[in-house]
Amino acid sequence: MRVFTVLCFVSFCIFSSQSVLAQSDTKQQSADYSVHTHTFKSAVLNEERTVVVQLPKSYQSEPNKVYPVIYRLDGAGNIPLASAVIERLQNDNRAPEVIIVAIESTNRLRDFYSTVNKEPQGPVGEGGGAAKFLTFFEQELIPLVNKNYRTHNYKVIAGASAGGVFALYALQANPELFQAHIAYSPAVWWNYGASVKSTKSFIAKTKGLNSYVYINIGEEAGIMRERYDELQQAMQLHKVRELRFFSDAFDGVSHNLTSVAGAFNAYHNLFLPKQMPISDLTDDVASIDAYYQNLSQQWGEQIAPPDRAVRSLGYNLTGSKQFTRAIEVFKYNIKNHPKSVDAFSALSYGYEMQGNTRQALKHMESALTIADDSYPYINYLKETKARLQAELSKS
C-alpha cells in the first residue's frame, strides 16, 4: 500500500504541474489526455460553475468509441490520482478508458449535505442544498457532458468527506442516475448522523439495486467513527440484491488521505476485468455470456468472450480436477472461436486430463488442421499428436 501511495503521489505531482485555465470551454493538452474547462451560468444554482473534463487518450483516434464517465466532486485537483489509478488498471485489462469530469466547488457544505446541521459539534446552520445540487447534475451538468462528449450511460459519482455524503445521498434520491457511488471517508457525523439514518432506511426498504457502493474510513475516532461504523455495518449486513458493496478501514491514514489510500480498491472492485474470475463461473456456461454482457454494458463497448480468457477458465478447472466442467468450457470456447488453434488444443488437453485419449487425439488433429507452419507452437502440437497416437496404440 505504501509503495502504491508513493506512485500515486508522484503521478499527482506530474499531472498537477499542468494547469488548466478556468475559462469557458477552454482546451489544453495534458500528456496524452486532452483537458477542457467549461464555465457557465447555472440556472438551477443561480451562480457561475466551472467543470474540468479530461478525455481519454484514444478519444481523438477512435471517433466512434463511447466512454463511461466519472464525476469527481471538489475539483480538478482530484483528476490526477483517479487517472493514474485507472490507467494502471487499464494496462492490466481491468478497467476501460473513462472521461473524468471534475466539479469545482463554490460552497461545498451547502451543496453536499441534504440537511442543515443543528449539532453544536459542526457549523450550525450550514447545509441543506444537496437536493438542488443533484438537480443541477440531472438537468444541467450531465446533459452538458453528454452533448459535448461521446459518453455512454455508465456514470460514477465520487467524493470525499462531505462529497462522500453527497455520493450516498445521490444513491438514495435518484438510484438510477449513477451506476456507482464512491464515498471516501464520508462525513456521516453531520447533523446527528442524519445521512446514516436515511441510508439505513433506504437500504431496509430496497429489494434490489443494480449499483456499486464503495466507502472507507481512516484513523477517525469519536462520533465520526461511531456513526460511520453504524453505516458500514448496516450496509454489510443488509444484502440488497445486485448491489455490490465494498468498504475499507485504514489504520494510521488521516481523513484527508483516505481518497489516496482507497482509490485503487474503489476502482479495482468497480470495473469488471476482461479476464472473467473463476468465482463468477457457474455450472452453466451461459454465465460466461452473462458476465461479458455486463462487462460490455459497463465498459461501453461490445466485448465478446475472449478466446484466451475463456481458455484460462477451462485450465483453472482442469487444475482443480473438474474435468467435465472444463471440457464444457472448452467446447463453448470453440463455438465462439471455431478457427482458433489454441481453442482446439485446449479441448484436447481437457480430454487428455480426463483420461479420454481418443477424444484428445481427435481434437489435437483438428488443431493441426487449422494450424500452419507459422503457428509458434506447431512442434508442440505435432509432438502431442504423436504421443497420443502412441498411447492409443498401446491400449
Foldseek 3Di string as FASTA:
>chain_A
DVVLLVVLVVLLVQQVVDDDDQDAFDWDDGPLKIKTKHWDQQPLVRGIWIKMKIFFNCCVVDVVFAFEEEEEEAFDSPVRNLVVLQVVCVVVQQAAGHMYMYTHDDQLQAQLACDAFPDVVDDHRTYNNPVSNVVCVVPPVVVVCVVPGRHDQAYEYEYEASSLLSLLVCCQVPVRNHQEGEYELHQCPGRVSPSLVSSLVRLVPAQAGQHEYEYEEEQDDDSSVVSVVSSVVSPVPRDRHNYHYYYYYYYPADRVCRCSVCSNVRSSVVAHGLQHDLVQDDLDNVSLVVSQVVNCNNGRHRDDNDLVSLLVSLVVCVVVVVLVSSLVSLVVSCVVVVLDLVSLQSNLVSCVSVVNLVSSLVSLVVSLVNDDPVPPCNVVSVVSNVVSVVVVVVD
